[in-house]
Amino acid sequence: MTEIRKRNGITATSTVNILAAEADLYMAEIENKIIVKIGSKQDLGVLPPNVKVATSGQDYAVWERK
């Protein structure tokens, strides 16, 4: 995930827009460049069409804008 942050210029002062904050799902868009999902919930709703999975694993995923 460090490479994804570097590639997109994400820093500690980057703007974060929380998309969901539930018991089993946290999703946030950072700098309008990446979307981060943490939690076991699979029903995420509709993701923007211009994103692609950058990395994923058990209970997390990161999408980048194309």
Protein backbone atom coordinates (compact mmCIF):
# COMPACT_ATOMS: atom_id res chain seq x y z
CA MET A 1 0.00 0.00 0.00
CA THR A 2 2.99 2.28 0.39
CA GLU A 3 3.50 2.27 -3.39
CA ILE A 4 -0.16 3.17 -3.96
CA ARG A 5 0.22 6.13 -1.58
CA LYS A 6 3.40 7.31 -3.31
CA ARG A 7 1.97 6.87 -6.80
CA ASN A 8 -1.06 9.00 -5.88
CA GLY A 9 0.70 11.61 -3.75
CA ILE A 10 -1.20 10.62 -0.60
CA THR A 11 0.26 12.14 2.59
CA ALA A 12 -0.76 12.58 6.22
CA THR A 13 -2.43 15.87 5.27
CA SER A 14 -4.45 14.50 2.34
CA THR A 15 -8.18 15.20 2.24
CA VAL A 16 -10.36 12.27 3.34
CA ASN A 17 -14.05 11.94 2.45
CA ILE A 18 -15.72 9.21 4.54
CA LEU A 19 -18.16 7.28 2.34
CA ALA A 20 -19.34 4.74 4.96
CA ALA A 21 -18.72 4.12 8.64
CA GLU A 22 -20.59 1.07 9.91
CA ALA A 23 -19.82 -1.81 12.26
CA ASP A 24 -18.58 -4.00 9.39
CA LEU A 25 -17.57 -1.41 6.78
CA TYR A 26 -15.39 1.69 6.60
CA MET A 27 -14.91 3.29 3.18
CA ALA A 28 -13.16 6.54 2.40
CA GLU A 29 -12.06 8.41 -0.69
CA ILE A 30 -8.68 10.08 -0.35
CA GLU A 31 -7.75 13.14 -2.43
CA ASN A 32 -10.31 12.01 -5.04
CA LYS A 33 -7.60 9.55 -6.16
CA ILE A 34 -8.12 6.33 -4.21
CA ILE A 35 -10.95 4.57 -2.37
CA VAL A 36 -10.13 2.43 0.67
CA LYS A 37 -12.46 -0.22 2.09
CA ILE A 38 -11.88 -1.93 5.44
CA GLY A 39 -14.28 -4.47 6.93
CA SER A 40 -16.07 -7.71 6.15
CA LYS A 41 -19.13 -6.23 4.41
CA GLN A 42 -19.24 -7.14 0.71
CA ASP A 43 -22.23 -5.06 -0.44
CA LEU A 44 -20.49 -1.78 -1.22
CA GLY A 45 -23.06 -0.19 -3.47
CA VAL A 46 -21.95 1.25 -6.79
CA LEU A 47 -18.30 2.18 -7.22
CA PRO A 48 -17.39 4.86 -9.75
CA PRO A 49 -16.78 3.38 -13.23
CA ASN A 50 -13.35 4.99 -13.48
CA VAL A 51 -11.67 3.02 -10.66
CA LYS A 52 -9.71 -0.23 -10.72
CA VAL A 53 -8.60 -2.52 -7.89
CA ALA A 54 -5.04 -1.69 -6.87
CA THR A 55 -4.80 -4.26 -4.06
CA SER A 56 -7.11 -6.37 -1.92
CA GLY A 57 -7.10 -9.06 0.72
CA GLN A 58 -9.20 -10.39 3.56
CA ASP A 59 -11.55 -7.60 4.62
CA TYR A 60 -9.81 -4.78 2.73
CA ALA A 61 -9.48 -3.33 -0.77
CA VAL A 62 -7.99 -0.25 -2.41
CA TRP A 63 -9.15 1.17 -5.74
CA GLU A 64 -7.32 3.77 -7.83
CA ARG A 65 -8.74 6.16 -10.39
CA LYS A 66 -7.86 5.02 -13.93
